[in-house]
Amino acid sequence: MTAPAPFGPLQFQLVLLRRMADHQPGLVEEARLELSASLADMREANRHWQAMVRAPRGGRSKGALRRYRSVLGEPELTLPRKVGDLECEALLWPVPLWPDLRFEVMAAPGGAVWNEWLVRAPGTAGPELRTAADLRPWSCTVDEVARAFAPARPMEGSAPTRWALAITEPDSGRPFVAEFTWGLFQRLLPGRPG
């Protein structure tokens, strides 16, 4: 019996790409080739990741934080965060495909994972977002769009690791729905007024 292939940062990036392929197949294909990975590699990485997530204590428990550390190593940065009155930690890891971004895991006291997504690296400027035309796939994060188009209304995503924001273009008043996968902007859809 052969030993299982190691699962590390490269395979984790393939997992991120797998979920993004539904909305941005062209960008995912380019990124996959940049990583010198095959479609089979991407499917296997996703299969392996899903098995880890579904394992006992693999969900949002302390085991989830251990899973990220085992796959990505020690975080590049750990920052204190406050959610209401609760003191939390944000753990950030670099993601070579997106050098200006970090993969952030928000952990509650005790280590339970509350959120995991891509965010802008501290000290790195994001894009200037003034109109809907400024929203290009993979160019901005959930929090950047929420700030630029405040007040943005969070909406339920279409699948795990997906988020959506109802936004209104400031000058035109046109409504849109901005969709994100792993916190990274994927596409813009027409929204409903008011």
Protein backbone atom coordinates (compact mmCIF):
# COMPACT_ATOMS: atom_id res chain seq x y z
CA MET A 1 0.00 0.00 0.00
CA THR A 2 1.41 3.42 -0.95
CA ALA A 3 1.48 6.31 1.48
CA PRO A 4 -1.05 9.08 0.81
CA ALA A 5 0.30 12.08 -1.06
CA PRO A 6 1.12 15.03 1.20
CA PHE A 7 -1.52 17.68 1.52
CA GLY A 8 -0.04 21.15 1.86
CA PRO A 9 -0.34 24.73 0.59
CA LEU A 10 -0.36 23.73 -3.11
CA GLN A 11 -3.26 21.31 -2.61
CA PHE A 12 -5.09 23.85 -0.47
CA GLN A 13 -4.90 26.40 -3.30
CA LEU A 14 -6.40 23.76 -5.61
CA VAL A 15 -9.30 23.39 -3.12
CA LEU A 16 -9.89 27.16 -3.25
CA LEU A 17 -9.82 27.04 -7.05
CA ARG A 18 -12.20 24.08 -7.25
CA ARG A 19 -15.02 26.04 -5.63
CA MET A 20 -14.27 29.11 -7.79
CA ALA A 21 -14.45 27.09 -11.03
CA ASP A 22 -18.26 27.31 -11.09
CA HIS A 23 -18.18 31.07 -11.73
CA GLN A 24 -14.73 31.72 -13.20
CA PRO A 25 -13.61 28.61 -15.13
CA GLY A 26 -11.20 30.57 -17.34
CA LEU A 27 -9.38 32.18 -14.42
CA VAL A 28 -9.29 28.86 -12.58
CA GLU A 29 -7.79 27.12 -15.61
CA GLU A 30 -5.04 29.76 -15.87
CA ALA A 31 -4.30 29.50 -12.14
CA ARG A 32 -4.28 25.69 -12.23
CA LEU A 33 -1.76 25.72 -15.06
CA GLU A 34 0.33 28.29 -13.16
CA LEU A 35 0.45 25.77 -10.31
CA SER A 36 1.42 22.98 -12.77
CA ALA A 37 -1.55 20.94 -11.56
CA SER A 38 -3.87 18.72 -13.59
CA LEU A 39 -7.65 18.53 -13.36
CA ALA A 40 -7.15 15.18 -11.63
CA ASP A 41 -4.86 16.86 -9.08
CA MET A 42 -7.55 19.47 -8.38
CA ARG A 43 -10.27 16.81 -7.99
CA GLU A 44 -8.06 14.72 -5.69
CA ALA A 45 -7.15 17.73 -3.55
CA ASN A 46 -10.83 18.60 -3.18
CA ARG A 47 -11.74 14.99 -2.36
CA HIS A 48 -9.00 14.85 0.29
CA TRP A 49 -10.06 18.22 1.78
CA GLN A 50 -13.72 17.20 1.95
CA ALA A 51 -12.74 13.99 3.74
CA MET A 52 -10.78 16.04 6.30
CA VAL A 53 -13.69 18.47 6.78
CA ARG A 54 -16.21 15.65 7.23
CA ALA A 55 -14.01 13.68 9.62
CA PRO A 56 -15.13 13.58 13.26
CA ARG A 57 -14.24 16.92 14.85
CA GLY A 58 -13.24 18.29 11.43
CA GLY A 59 -15.92 20.97 11.03
CA ARG A 60 -15.84 24.23 12.96
CA SER A 61 -14.45 22.74 16.16
CA LYS A 62 -10.90 23.09 17.45
CA GLY A 63 -10.07 20.32 14.98
CA ALA A 64 -10.69 22.73 12.10
CA LEU A 65 -8.00 25.09 13.38
CA ARG A 66 -5.60 22.16 13.77
CA ARG A 67 -6.43 21.13 10.19
CA TYR A 68 -5.43 24.55 8.84
CA ARG A 69 -2.20 24.51 10.82
CA SER A 70 -1.34 21.01 9.62
CA VAL A 71 -1.98 21.96 5.98
CA LEU A 72 -0.66 25.54 5.91
CA GLY A 73 1.88 25.50 8.75
CA GLU A 74 2.08 28.17 11.38
CA PRO A 75 0.28 31.40 10.42
CA GLU A 76 2.29 34.30 9.08
CA LEU A 77 0.42 36.59 11.44
CA THR A 78 -2.02 36.27 14.34
CA LEU A 79 -4.07 39.35 15.19
CA PRO A 80 -6.54 40.02 18.01
CA ARG A 81 -10.07 40.77 16.78
CA LYS A 82 -13.19 41.79 18.64
CA VAL A 83 -16.60 40.50 17.63
CA GLY A 84 -19.03 42.38 19.83
CA ASP A 85 -17.68 41.78 23.34
CA LEU A 86 -15.85 38.60 22.37
CA GLU A 87 -12.07 38.58 21.95
CA CYS A 88 -11.06 36.43 18.96
CA GLU A 89 -7.98 35.70 16.92
CA ALA A 90 -7.49 36.14 13.18
CA LEU A 91 -4.82 33.80 11.83
CA LEU A 92 -3.41 34.75 8.42
CA TRP A 93 -1.49 32.64 5.91
CA PRO A 94 0.02 33.71 2.57
CA VAL A 95 -1.50 32.32 -0.63
CA PRO A 96 1.04 32.33 -3.49
CA LEU A 97 -1.64 32.56 -6.20
CA TRP A 98 -2.78 35.87 -4.73
CA PRO A 99 0.32 37.55 -3.20
CA ASP A 100 -1.69 40.60 -2.00
CA LEU A 101 -4.18 38.42 -0.13
CA ARG A 102 -4.05 36.23 2.95
CA PHE A 103 -6.19 33.29 3.95
CA GLU A 104 -7.80 34.30 7.22
CA VAL A 105 -9.23 31.94 9.80
CA MET A 106 -11.23 33.60 12.57
CA ALA A 107 -11.02 31.58 15.77
CA ALA A 108 -13.10 32.06 18.89
CA PRO A 109 -11.67 31.63 22.37
CA GLY A 110 -10.99 27.92 22.73
CA GLY A 111 -10.04 27.55 19.08
CA ALA A 112 -13.40 26.96 17.33
CA VAL A 113 -13.31 28.31 13.76
CA TRP A 114 -16.00 30.87 12.98
CA ASN A 115 -15.00 32.01 9.52
CA GLU A 116 -12.43 31.27 6.84
CA TRP A 117 -11.82 33.34 3.72
CA LEU A 118 -9.42 35.46 1.70
CA VAL A 119 -8.70 38.99 2.91
CA ARG A 120 -6.35 41.76 1.81
CA ALA A 121 -2.87 41.42 3.33
CA PRO A 122 -2.25 43.97 6.09
CA GLY A 123 -0.56 47.08 4.69
CA THR A 124 -1.53 46.24 1.10
CA ALA A 125 -3.80 48.64 -0.75
CA GLY A 126 -6.90 47.21 -2.36
CA PRO A 127 -8.46 48.45 -5.60
CA GLU A 128 -10.37 51.71 -5.81
CA LEU A 129 -14.03 50.74 -6.03
CA ARG A 130 -16.39 53.52 -7.08
CA THR A 131 -18.75 51.91 -9.58
CA ALA A 132 -19.96 48.44 -10.45
CA ALA A 133 -17.56 48.48 -13.43
CA ASP A 134 -14.65 48.53 -10.94
CA LEU A 135 -15.64 45.10 -9.65
CA ARG A 136 -13.53 42.65 -11.62
CA PRO A 137 -13.32 38.93 -10.81
CA TRP A 138 -10.66 38.12 -8.21
CA SER A 139 -9.83 41.81 -7.71
CA CYS A 140 -11.47 42.50 -4.33
CA THR A 141 -12.73 40.93 -1.14
CA VAL A 142 -16.07 40.91 0.68
CA ASP A 143 -15.04 43.57 3.19
CA GLU A 144 -13.64 45.87 0.47
CA VAL A 145 -16.90 45.74 -1.50
CA ALA A 146 -18.98 46.17 1.66
CA ARG A 147 -17.02 49.32 2.59
CA ALA A 148 -17.07 50.78 -0.93
CA PHE A 149 -20.81 50.23 -1.43
CA ALA A 150 -22.04 50.83 2.12
CA PRO A 151 -24.59 50.06 3.27
CA ALA A 152 -24.23 46.62 1.71
CA ARG A 153 -26.67 43.94 2.82
CA PRO A 154 -25.24 40.45 3.42
CA MET A 155 -27.12 37.66 1.69
CA GLU A 156 -26.93 33.90 1.95
CA GLY A 157 -24.51 32.35 -0.51
CA SER A 158 -25.45 29.59 -2.94
CA ALA A 159 -23.10 27.02 -1.32
CA PRO A 160 -20.66 26.64 1.56
CA THR A 161 -17.71 29.05 1.25
CA ARG A 162 -19.86 31.42 -0.81
CA TRP A 163 -21.17 34.83 0.24
CA ALA A 164 -23.23 37.51 -1.48
CA LEU A 165 -23.81 41.21 -0.88
CA ALA A 166 -26.75 43.28 -2.09
CA ILE A 167 -25.19 46.58 -3.15
CA THR A 168 -26.34 49.77 -4.81
CA GLU A 169 -24.14 51.71 -7.21
CA PRO A 170 -23.76 55.17 -5.60
CA ASP A 171 -24.18 57.41 -8.66
CA SER A 172 -26.76 55.47 -10.67
CA GLY A 173 -28.72 53.90 -7.81
CA ARG A 174 -28.72 50.59 -9.71
CA PRO A 175 -28.98 47.49 -7.47
CA PHE A 176 -26.62 44.55 -7.87
CA VAL A 177 -25.70 41.32 -6.12
CA ALA A 178 -21.97 40.78 -5.71
CA GLU A 179 -21.04 37.11 -5.32
CA PHE A 180 -17.91 35.84 -3.58
CA THR A 181 -16.21 32.48 -3.14
CA TRP A 182 -13.83 32.08 -0.20
CA GLY A 183 -14.27 35.85 0.28
CA LEU A 184 -12.94 36.75 -3.20
CA PHE A 185 -15.19 38.57 -5.70
CA GLN A 186 -16.44 36.28 -8.49
CA ARG A 187 -19.27 37.97 -10.37
CA LEU A 188 -21.88 40.72 -10.34
CA LEU A 189 -25.55 40.05 -11.02
CA PRO A 190 -28.46 42.47 -11.46
CA GLY A 191 -30.26 43.04 -8.17
CA ARG A 192 -33.80 43.91 -7.22
CA PRO A 193 -34.68 47.50 -6.41
CA GLY A 194 -35.26 48.47 -2.80
